[in-house]
Amino acid sequence: MKMFLVVYAEASDESITAAFKKLGYKSYTKMHGATGEGEESEPKLDTHFWPGRNNTLMLAVPDEDIGCLIELVRRLKIEQPRAGVRAFTFPLEECI
């Protein structure tokens, strides 16, 4: 099992979340209002000089789903270049 973590501009929240739901991924955890600086977009620090914030979407998925999710993120990066979409995976083990 893997954790699939997606970071994206808060302004793109509805369309990003809808894209995952359309593929059938309706179970997720979302964190609103993350700030930071990335390599592919302007900093989003929620300040006057660097306005904006990010959201993070976390999905616990079987290993075999990762390829499909990566393809979705590649498509989203093309369709929404200003959203600064980035995705990461890491191993996940359910404890309880």
PDB file of N, CA and C in Angstrom:
ATOM      1  N   MET A   1       0.849  -1.165   0.000  1.00  0.00           N
ATOM      2  CA  MET A   1       0.000   0.000   0.000  1.00  0.00           C
ATOM      3  C   MET A   1       0.897   1.231   0.000  1.00  0.00           C
ATOM      4  N   LYS A   2       0.409   2.299  -0.627  1.00  0.00           N
ATOM      5  CA  LYS A   2       1.174   3.546  -0.722  1.00  0.00           C
ATOM      6  C   LYS A   2       0.296   4.722  -0.316  1.00  0.00           C
ATOM      7  N   MET A   3       0.971   5.776   0.147  1.00  0.00           N
ATOM      8  CA  MET A   3       0.311   7.057   0.346  1.00  0.00           C
ATOM      9  C   MET A   3       0.661   7.896  -0.877  1.00  0.00           C
ATOM     10  N   PHE A   4      -0.367   8.406  -1.541  1.00  0.00           N
ATOM     11  CA  PHE A   4      -0.181   9.273  -2.698  1.00  0.00           C
ATOM     12  C   PHE A   4      -0.506  10.676  -2.224  1.00  0.00           C
ATOM     13  N   LEU A   5       0.478  11.545  -2.239  1.00  0.00           N
ATOM     14  CA  LEU A   5       0.351  12.910  -1.735  1.00  0.00           C
ATOM     15  C   LEU A   5       0.425  13.882  -2.897  1.00  0.00           C
ATOM     16  N   VAL A   6      -0.576  14.742  -2.983  1.00  0.00           N
ATOM     17  CA  VAL A   6      -0.629  15.731  -4.064  1.00  0.00           C
ATOM     18  C   VAL A   6      -0.675  17.120  -3.435  1.00  0.00           C
ATOM     19  N   VAL A   7       0.171  18.020  -3.918  1.00  0.00           N
ATOM     20  CA  VAL A   7       0.197  19.406  -3.470  1.00  0.00           C
ATOM     21  C   VAL A   7      -0.175  20.265  -4.663  1.00  0.00           C
ATOM     22  N   TYR A   8      -1.048  21.253  -4.443  1.00  0.00           N
ATOM     23  CA  TYR A   8      -1.528  22.085  -5.550  1.00  0.00           C
ATOM     24  C   TYR A   8      -2.056  23.405  -5.008  1.00  0.00           C
ATOM     25  N   ALA A   9      -2.183  24.391  -5.895  1.00  0.00           N
ATOM     26  CA  ALA A   9      -2.686  25.708  -5.516  1.00  0.00           C
ATOM     27  C   ALA A   9      -4.132  25.610  -5.030  1.00  0.00           C
ATOM     28  N   GLU A  10      -4.394  26.270  -3.924  1.00  0.00           N
ATOM     29  CA  GLU A  10      -5.732  26.267  -3.333  1.00  0.00           C
ATOM     30  C   GLU A  10      -6.796  26.732  -4.332  1.00  0.00           C
ATOM     31  N   ALA A  11      -6.438  27.638  -5.215  1.00  0.00           N
ATOM     32  CA  ALA A  11      -7.391  28.155  -6.203  1.00  0.00           C
ATOM     33  C   ALA A  11      -7.895  27.073  -7.148  1.00  0.00           C
ATOM     34  N   SER A  12      -7.156  25.982  -7.276  1.00  0.00           N
ATOM     35  CA  SER A  12      -7.539  24.877  -8.165  1.00  0.00           C
ATOM     36  C   SER A  12      -8.217  23.729  -7.426  1.00  0.00           C
ATOM     37  N   ASP A  13      -8.603  23.947  -6.194  1.00  0.00           N
ATOM     38  CA  ASP A  13      -9.095  22.864  -5.351  1.00  0.00           C
ATOM     39  C   ASP A  13     -10.268  22.097  -5.950  1.00  0.00           C
ATOM     40  N   GLU A  14     -11.285  22.787  -6.403  1.00  0.00           N
ATOM     41  CA  GLU A  14     -12.490  22.101  -6.901  1.00  0.00           C
ATOM     42  C   GLU A  14     -12.180  21.200  -8.087  1.00  0.00           C
ATOM     43  N   SER A  15     -11.421  21.707  -9.052  1.00  0.00           N
ATOM     44  CA  SER A  15     -11.152  20.907 -10.246  1.00  0.00           C
ATOM     45  C   SER A  15     -10.198  19.752  -9.955  1.00  0.00           C
ATOM     46  N   ILE A  16      -9.230  19.952  -9.072  1.00  0.00           N
ATOM     47  CA  ILE A  16      -8.298  18.875  -8.731  1.00  0.00           C
ATOM     48  C   ILE A  16      -9.042  17.759  -7.991  1.00  0.00           C
ATOM     49  N   THR A  17      -9.808  18.126  -6.981  1.00  0.00           N
ATOM     50  CA  THR A  17     -10.565  17.129  -6.224  1.00  0.00           C
ATOM     51  C   THR A  17     -11.556  16.399  -7.128  1.00  0.00           C
ATOM     52  N   ALA A  18     -12.220  17.123  -8.009  1.00  0.00           N
ATOM     53  CA  ALA A  18     -13.187  16.512  -8.928  1.00  0.00           C
ATOM     54  C   ALA A  18     -12.515  15.497  -9.850  1.00  0.00           C
ATOM     55  N   ALA A  19     -11.289  15.777 -10.283  1.00  0.00           N
ATOM     56  CA  ALA A  19     -10.580  14.850 -11.175  1.00  0.00           C
ATOM     57  C   ALA A  19     -10.302  13.520 -10.474  1.00  0.00           C
ATOM     58  N   PHE A  20      -9.931  13.568  -9.210  1.00  0.00           N
ATOM     59  CA  PHE A  20      -9.689  12.328  -8.467  1.00  0.00           C
ATOM     60  C   PHE A  20     -11.001  11.576  -8.226  1.00  0.00           C
ATOM     61  N   LYS A  21     -12.045  12.312  -7.897  1.00  0.00           N
ATOM     62  CA  LYS A  21     -13.346  11.672  -7.668  1.00  0.00           C
ATOM     63  C   LYS A  21     -13.879  11.032  -8.946  1.00  0.00           C
ATOM     64  N   LYS A  22     -13.655  11.683 -10.080  1.00  0.00           N
ATOM     65  CA  LYS A  22     -14.119  11.144 -11.355  1.00  0.00           C
ATOM     66  C   LYS A  22     -13.483   9.792 -11.651  1.00  0.00           C
ATOM     67  N   LEU A  23     -12.242   9.599 -11.196  1.00  0.00           N
ATOM     68  CA  LEU A  23     -11.559   8.310 -11.380  1.00  0.00           C
ATOM     69  C   LEU A  23     -11.963   7.286 -10.318  1.00  0.00           C
ATOM     70  N   GLY A  24     -12.814   7.704  -9.385  1.00  0.00           N
ATOM     71  CA  GLY A  24     -13.298   6.780  -8.365  1.00  0.00           C
ATOM     72  C   GLY A  24     -12.600   6.876  -7.024  1.00  0.00           C
ATOM     73  N   TYR A  25     -11.715   7.848  -6.856  1.00  0.00           N
ATOM     74  CA  TYR A  25     -11.007   8.018  -5.584  1.00  0.00           C
ATOM     75  C   TYR A  25     -11.783   9.014  -4.724  1.00  0.00           C
ATOM     76  N   LYS A  26     -12.672   8.478  -3.912  1.00  0.00           N
ATOM     77  CA  LYS A  26     -13.540   9.324  -3.099  1.00  0.00           C
ATOM     78  C   LYS A  26     -13.113   9.360  -1.637  1.00  0.00           C
ATOM     79  N   SER A  27     -12.168   8.515  -1.262  1.00  0.00           N
ATOM     80  CA  SER A  27     -11.650   8.492   0.111  1.00  0.00           C
ATOM     81  C   SER A  27     -10.295   9.185   0.122  1.00  0.00           C
ATOM     82  N   TYR A  28     -10.201  10.247   0.861  1.00  0.00           N
ATOM     83  CA  TYR A  28      -8.961  11.021   0.917  1.00  0.00           C
ATOM     84  C   TYR A  28      -8.953  11.872   2.174  1.00  0.00           C
ATOM     85  N   THR A  29      -7.806  12.415   2.475  1.00  0.00           N
ATOM     86  CA  THR A  29      -7.659  13.428   3.517  1.00  0.00           C
ATOM     87  C   THR A  29      -7.112  14.672   2.829  1.00  0.00           C
ATOM     88  N   LYS A  30      -7.713  15.808   3.152  1.00  0.00           N
ATOM     89  CA  LYS A  30      -7.277  17.061   2.545  1.00  0.00           C
ATOM     90  C   LYS A  30      -6.855  18.026   3.640  1.00  0.00           C
ATOM     91  N   MET A  31      -5.724  18.672   3.433  1.00  0.00           N
ATOM     92  CA  MET A  31      -5.278  19.726   4.339  1.00  0.00           C
ATOM     93  C   MET A  31      -5.308  21.042   3.566  1.00  0.00           C
ATOM     94  N   HIS A  32      -5.975  22.002   4.147  1.00  0.00           N
ATOM     95  CA  HIS A  32      -6.128  23.314   3.518  1.00  0.00           C
ATOM     96  C   HIS A  32      -5.092  24.303   4.067  1.00  0.00           C
ATOM     97  N   GLY A  33      -4.709  25.235   3.214  1.00  0.00           N
ATOM     98  CA  GLY A  33      -3.913  26.370   3.663  1.00  0.00           C
ATOM     99  C   GLY A  33      -2.435  26.124   3.880  1.00  0.00           C
ATOM    100  N   ALA A  34      -1.862  25.143   3.218  1.00  0.00           N
ATOM    101  CA  ALA A  34      -0.417  24.914   3.343  1.00  0.00           C
ATOM    102  C   ALA A  34       0.335  26.019   2.599  1.00  0.00           C
ATOM    103  N   THR A  35       1.464  26.400   3.110  1.00  0.00           N
ATOM    104  CA  THR A  35       2.295  27.401   2.439  1.00  0.00           C
ATOM    105  C   THR A  35       3.655  26.793   2.124  1.00  0.00           C
ATOM    106  N   GLY A  36       4.326  27.383   1.149  1.00  0.00           N
ATOM    107  CA  GLY A  36       5.647  26.882   0.814  1.00  0.00           C
ATOM    108  C   GLY A  36       6.145  27.402  -0.520  1.00  0.00           C
ATOM    109  N   GLU A  37       7.331  26.959  -0.868  1.00  0.00           N
ATOM    110  CA  GLU A  37       7.967  27.339  -2.120  1.00  0.00           C
ATOM    111  C   GLU A  37       8.331  26.063  -2.858  1.00  0.00           C
ATOM    112  N   GLY A  38       8.040  26.034  -4.147  1.00  0.00           N
ATOM    113  CA  GLY A  38       8.343  24.870  -4.954  1.00  0.00           C
ATOM    114  C   GLY A  38       9.235  25.218  -6.121  1.00  0.00           C
ATOM    115  N   GLU A  39       9.505  24.215  -6.930  1.00  0.00           N
ATOM    116  CA  GLU A  39      10.384  24.405  -8.076  1.00  0.00           C
ATOM    117  C   GLU A  39       9.636  24.817  -9.331  1.00  0.00           C
ATOM    118  N   GLU A  40       8.342  24.549  -9.412  1.00  0.00           N
ATOM    119  CA  GLU A  40       7.610  24.761 -10.654  1.00  0.00           C
ATOM    120  C   GLU A  40       6.561  25.861 -10.592  1.00  0.00           C
ATOM    121  N   SER A  41       6.445  26.570  -9.470  1.00  0.00           N
ATOM    122  CA  SER A  41       5.450  27.633  -9.366  1.00  0.00           C
ATOM    123  C   SER A  41       5.973  28.730  -8.454  1.00  0.00           C
ATOM    124  N   GLU A  42       5.256  29.838  -8.443  1.00  0.00           N
ATOM    125  CA  GLU A  42       5.602  30.938  -7.553  1.00  0.00           C
ATOM    126  C   GLU A  42       5.393  30.495  -6.109  1.00  0.00           C
ATOM    127  N   PRO A  43       6.152  31.073  -5.172  1.00  0.00           N
ATOM    128  CA  PRO A  43       5.912  30.753  -3.759  1.00  0.00           C
ATOM    129  C   PRO A  43       4.472  31.099  -3.375  1.00  0.00           C
ATOM    130  N   LYS A  44       3.920  30.313  -2.520  1.00  0.00           N
ATOM    131  CA  LYS A  44       2.591  30.576  -1.963  1.00  0.00           C
ATOM    132  C   LYS A  44       2.768  30.614  -0.457  1.00  0.00           C
ATOM    133  N   LEU A  45       2.933  31.844   0.055  1.00  0.00           N
ATOM    134  CA  LEU A  45       3.262  32.024   1.464  1.00  0.00           C
ATOM    135  C   LEU A  45       2.167  32.753   2.233  1.00  0.00           C
ATOM    136  N   ASP A  46       1.040  33.033   1.586  1.00  0.00           N
ATOM    137  CA  ASP A  46      -0.097  33.703   2.211  1.00  0.00           C
ATOM    138  C   ASP A  46       0.293  35.052   2.821  1.00  0.00           C
ATOM    139  N   THR A  47       1.176  35.772   2.096  1.00  0.00           N
ATOM    140  CA  THR A  47       1.590  37.114   2.524  1.00  0.00           C
ATOM    141  C   THR A  47       1.197  38.102   1.441  1.00  0.00           C
ATOM    142  N   HIS A  48       1.349  39.382   1.744  1.00  0.00           N
ATOM    143  CA  HIS A  48       1.044  40.408   0.753  1.00  0.00           C
ATOM    144  C   HIS A  48       1.958  40.278  -0.467  1.00  0.00           C
ATOM    145  N   PHE A  49       3.214  39.999  -0.222  1.00  0.00           N
ATOM    146  CA  PHE A  49       4.179  39.894  -1.315  1.00  0.00           C
ATOM    147  C   PHE A  49       4.045  38.578  -2.067  1.00  0.00           C
ATOM    148  N   TRP A  50       3.816  37.477  -1.358  1.00  0.00           N
ATOM    149  CA  TRP A  50       3.637  36.163  -1.973  1.00  0.00           C
ATOM    150  C   TRP A  50       2.274  35.600  -1.564  1.00  0.00           C
ATOM    151  N   PRO A  51       1.199  36.084  -2.197  1.00  0.00           N
ATOM    152  CA  PRO A  51      -0.137  35.619  -1.815  1.00  0.00           C
ATOM    153  C   PRO A  51      -0.400  34.183  -2.271  1.00  0.00           C
ATOM    154  N   GLY A  52      -1.438  33.634  -1.718  1.00  0.00           N
ATOM    155  CA  GLY A  52      -1.870  32.299  -2.108  1.00  0.00           C
ATOM    156  C   GLY A  52      -1.432  31.238  -1.116  1.00  0.00           C
ATOM    157  N   ARG A  53      -2.158  30.134  -1.186  1.00  0.00           N
ATOM    158  CA  ARG A  53      -1.862  28.991  -0.339  1.00  0.00           C
ATOM    159  C   ARG A  53      -2.026  27.727  -1.170  1.00  0.00           C
ATOM    160  N   ASN A  54      -1.555  26.627  -0.630  1.00  0.00           N
ATOM    161  CA  ASN A  54      -1.695  25.318  -1.267  1.00  0.00           C
ATOM    162  C   ASN A  54      -2.648  24.449  -0.455  1.00  0.00           C
ATOM    163  N   ASN A  55      -3.129  23.425  -1.086  1.00  0.00           N
ATOM    164  CA  ASN A  55      -3.828  22.345  -0.403  1.00  0.00           C
ATOM    165  C   ASN A  55      -3.041  21.075  -0.651  1.00  0.00           C
ATOM    166  N   THR A  56      -3.205  20.117   0.230  1.00  0.00           N
ATOM    167  CA  THR A  56      -2.612  18.803   0.020  1.00  0.00           C
ATOM    168  C   THR A  56      -3.718  17.765   0.095  1.00  0.00           C
ATOM    169  N   LEU A  57      -3.632  16.816  -0.785  1.00  0.00           N
ATOM    170  CA  LEU A  57      -4.588  15.722  -0.858  1.00  0.00           C
ATOM    171  C   LEU A  57      -3.802  14.442  -0.627  1.00  0.00           C
ATOM    172  N   MET A  58      -4.259  13.620   0.311  1.00  0.00           N
ATOM    173  CA  MET A  58      -3.576  12.360   0.614  1.00  0.00           C
ATOM    174  C   MET A  58      -4.542  11.214   0.384  1.00  0.00           C
ATOM    175  N   LEU A  59      -4.083  10.231  -0.398  1.00  0.00           N
ATOM    176  CA  LEU A  59      -4.897   9.061  -0.699  1.00  0.00           C
ATOM    177  C   LEU A  59      -4.107   7.801  -0.373  1.00  0.00           C
ATOM    178  N   ALA A  60      -4.685   6.931   0.429  1.00  0.00           N
ATOM    179  CA  ALA A  60      -4.088   5.626   0.701  1.00  0.00           C
ATOM    180  C   ALA A  60      -4.596   4.676  -0.377  1.00  0.00           C
ATOM    181  N   VAL A  61      -3.673   4.154  -1.190  1.00  0.00           N
ATOM    182  CA  VAL A  61      -4.078   3.349  -2.347  1.00  0.00           C
ATOM    183  C   VAL A  61      -3.220   2.092  -2.472  1.00  0.00           C
ATOM    184  N   PRO A  62      -3.754   1.074  -3.138  1.00  0.00           N
ATOM    185  CA  PRO A  62      -2.939  -0.112  -3.427  1.00  0.00           C
ATOM    186  C   PRO A  62      -1.785   0.260  -4.370  1.00  0.00           C
ATOM    187  N   ASP A  63      -0.686  -0.452  -4.257  1.00  0.00           N
ATOM    188  CA  ASP A  63       0.487  -0.175  -5.100  1.00  0.00           C
ATOM    189  C   ASP A  63       0.132  -0.126  -6.587  1.00  0.00           C
ATOM    190  N   GLU A  64      -0.760  -1.009  -7.011  1.00  0.00           N
ATOM    191  CA  GLU A  64      -1.081  -1.078  -8.445  1.00  0.00           C
ATOM    192  C   GLU A  64      -1.852   0.139  -8.960  1.00  0.00           C
ATOM    193  N   ASP A  65      -2.365   0.988  -8.085  1.00  0.00           N
ATOM    194  CA  ASP A  65      -3.087   2.193  -8.512  1.00  0.00           C
ATOM    195  C   ASP A  65      -2.156   3.368  -8.801  1.00  0.00           C
ATOM    196  N   ILE A  66      -0.914   3.291  -8.381  1.00  0.00           N
ATOM    197  CA  ILE A  66      -0.004   4.432  -8.484  1.00  0.00           C
ATOM    198  C   ILE A  66       0.181   4.892  -9.928  1.00  0.00           C
ATOM    199  N   GLY A  67       0.338   3.987 -10.870  1.00  0.00           N
ATOM    200  CA  GLY A  67       0.529   4.369 -12.274  1.00  0.00           C
ATOM    201  C   GLY A  67      -0.625   5.198 -12.805  1.00  0.00           C
ATOM    202  N   CYS A  68      -1.828   4.809 -12.500  1.00  0.00           N
ATOM    203  CA  CYS A  68      -3.021   5.542 -12.938  1.00  0.00           C
ATOM    204  C   CYS A  68      -3.046   6.942 -12.327  1.00  0.00           C
ATOM    205  N   LEU A  69      -2.684   7.035 -11.060  1.00  0.00           N
ATOM    206  CA  LEU A  69      -2.684   8.338 -10.388  1.00  0.00           C
ATOM    207  C   LEU A  69      -1.587   9.245 -10.929  1.00  0.00           C
ATOM    208  N   ILE A  70      -0.444   8.679 -11.252  1.00  0.00           N
ATOM    209  CA  ILE A  70       0.637   9.476 -11.849  1.00  0.00           C
ATOM    210  C   ILE A  70       0.191  10.035 -13.196  1.00  0.00           C
ATOM    211  N   GLU A  71      -0.480   9.222 -13.987  1.00  0.00           N
ATOM    212  CA  GLU A  71      -0.986   9.703 -15.278  1.00  0.00           C
ATOM    213  C   GLU A  71      -1.995  10.837 -15.087  1.00  0.00           C
ATOM    214  N   LEU A  72      -2.843  10.718 -14.084  1.00  0.00           N
ATOM    215  CA  LEU A  72      -3.803  11.788 -13.798  1.00  0.00           C
ATOM    216  C   LEU A  72      -3.074  13.078 -13.455  1.00  0.00           C
ATOM    217  N   VAL A  73      -2.063  13.000 -12.616  1.00  0.00           N
ATOM    218  CA  VAL A  73      -1.320  14.203 -12.236  1.00  0.00           C
ATOM    219  C   VAL A  73      -0.586  14.790 -13.440  1.00  0.00           C
ATOM    220  N   ARG A  74      -0.044  13.955 -14.302  1.00  0.00           N
ATOM    221  CA  ARG A  74       0.600  14.471 -15.526  1.00  0.00           C
ATOM    222  C   ARG A  74      -0.400  15.245 -16.375  1.00  0.00           C
ATOM    223  N   ARG A  75      -1.603  14.714 -16.498  1.00  0.00           N
ATOM    224  CA  ARG A  75      -2.649  15.396 -17.269  1.00  0.00           C
ATOM    225  C   ARG A  75      -3.045  16.720 -16.600  1.00  0.00           C
ATOM    226  N   LEU A  76      -3.190  16.705 -15.279  1.00  0.00           N
ATOM    227  CA  LEU A  76      -3.557  17.921 -14.559  1.00  0.00           C
ATOM    228  C   LEU A  76      -2.490  18.996 -14.696  1.00  0.00           C
ATOM    229  N   LYS A  77      -1.216  18.597 -14.702  1.00  0.00           N
ATOM    230  CA  LYS A  77      -0.127  19.565 -14.861  1.00  0.00           C
ATOM    231  C   LYS A  77      -0.199  20.262 -16.224  1.00  0.00           C
ATOM    232  N   ILE A  78      -0.623  19.533 -17.241  1.00  0.00           N
ATOM    233  CA  ILE A  78      -0.762  20.118 -18.580  1.00  0.00           C
ATOM    234  C   ILE A  78      -1.992  21.008 -18.644  1.00  0.00           C
ATOM    235  N   GLU A  79      -3.108  20.525 -18.118  1.00  0.00           N
ATOM    236  CA  GLU A  79      -4.369  21.262 -18.169  1.00  0.00           C
ATOM    237  C   GLU A  79      -4.361  22.500 -17.277  1.00  0.00           C
ATOM    238  N   GLN A  80      -3.620  22.442 -16.166  1.00  0.00           N
ATOM    239  CA  GLN A  80      -3.621  23.541 -15.191  1.00  0.00           C
ATOM    240  C   GLN A  80      -2.184  23.892 -14.785  1.00  0.00           C
ATOM    241  N   PRO A  81      -1.423  24.457 -15.709  1.00  0.00           N
ATOM    242  CA  PRO A  81       0.000  24.696 -15.424  1.00  0.00           C
ATOM    243  C   PRO A  81       0.256  25.641 -14.257  1.00  0.00           C
ATOM    244  N   ARG A  82      -0.662  26.547 -13.965  1.00  0.00           N
ATOM    245  CA  ARG A  82      -0.446  27.495 -12.872  1.00  0.00           C
ATOM    246  C   ARG A  82      -0.812  26.923 -11.502  1.00  0.00           C
ATOM    247  N   ALA A  83      -1.367  25.724 -11.475  1.00  0.00           N
ATOM    248  CA  ALA A  83      -1.763  25.115 -10.198  1.00  0.00           C
ATOM    249  C   ALA A  83      -0.563  24.570  -9.423  1.00  0.00           C
ATOM    250  N   GLY A  84       0.582  24.434 -10.074  1.00  0.00           N
ATOM    251  CA  GLY A  84       1.770  23.947  -9.386  1.00  0.00           C
ATOM    252  C   GLY A  84       1.597  22.544  -8.817  1.00  0.00           C
ATOM    253  N   VAL A  85       0.910  21.691  -9.539  1.00  0.00           N
ATOM    254  CA  VAL A  85       0.608  20.341  -9.045  1.00  0.00           C
ATOM    255  C   VAL A  85       1.885  19.508  -8.955  1.00  0.00           C
ATOM    256  N   ARG A  86       2.095  18.916  -7.781  1.00  0.00           N
ATOM    257  CA  ARG A  86       3.206  17.993  -7.566  1.00  0.00           C
ATOM    258  C   ARG A  86       2.664  16.780  -6.837  1.00  0.00           C
ATOM    259  N   ALA A  87       3.233  15.618  -7.102  1.00  0.00           N
ATOM    260  CA  ALA A  87       2.774  14.388  -6.452  1.00  0.00           C
ATOM    261  C   ALA A  87       3.960  13.606  -5.925  1.00  0.00           C
ATOM    262  N   PHE A  88       3.731  12.902  -4.827  1.00  0.00           N
ATOM    263  CA  PHE A  88       4.755  12.109  -4.166  1.00  0.00           C
ATOM    264  C   PHE A  88       4.118  10.821  -3.655  1.00  0.00           C
ATOM    265  N   THR A  89       4.900   9.783  -3.547  1.00  0.00           N
ATOM    266  CA  THR A  89       4.415   8.549  -2.936  1.00  0.00           C
ATOM    267  C   THR A  89       5.380   8.138  -1.834  1.00  0.00           C
ATOM    268  N   PHE A  90       4.851   7.432  -0.870  1.00  0.00           N
ATOM    269  CA  PHE A  90       5.698   6.816   0.133  1.00  0.00           C
ATOM    270  C   PHE A  90       5.003   5.583   0.676  1.00  0.00           C
ATOM    271  N   PRO A  91       5.762   4.639   1.209  1.00  0.00           N
ATOM    272  CA  PRO A  91       5.179   3.405   1.708  1.00  0.00           C
ATOM    273  C   PRO A  91       4.191   3.692   2.834  1.00  0.00           C
ATOM    274  N   LEU A  92       3.191   2.862   2.919  1.00  0.00           N
ATOM    275  CA  LEU A  92       2.150   3.044   3.929  1.00  0.00           C
ATOM    276  C   LEU A  92       1.784   1.703   4.536  1.00  0.00           C
ATOM    277  N   GLU A  93       1.728   1.674   5.834  1.00  0.00           N
ATOM    278  CA  GLU A  93       1.331   0.474   6.536  1.00  0.00           C
ATOM    279  C   GLU A  93       0.241   0.838   7.533  1.00  0.00           C
ATOM    280  N   GLU A  94      -0.919   0.250   7.396  1.00  0.00           N
ATOM    281  CA  GLU A  94      -2.015   0.523   8.318  1.00  0.00           C
ATOM    282  C   GLU A  94      -1.725  -0.161   9.649  1.00  0.00           C
ATOM    283  N   CYS A  95      -1.879   0.584  10.733  1.00  0.00           N
ATOM    284  CA  CYS A  95      -1.551   0.054  12.066  1.00  0.00           C
ATOM    285  C   CYS A  95      -2.759  -0.552  12.768  1.00  0.00           C
ATOM    286  N   ILE A  96      -3.905  -0.012  12.541  1.00  0.00           N
ATOM    287  CA  ILE A  96      -5.111  -0.491  13.242  1.00  0.00           C
ATOM    288  C   ILE A  96      -6.218  -0.721  12.240  1.00  0.00           C
TER     289      ILE A  96
END
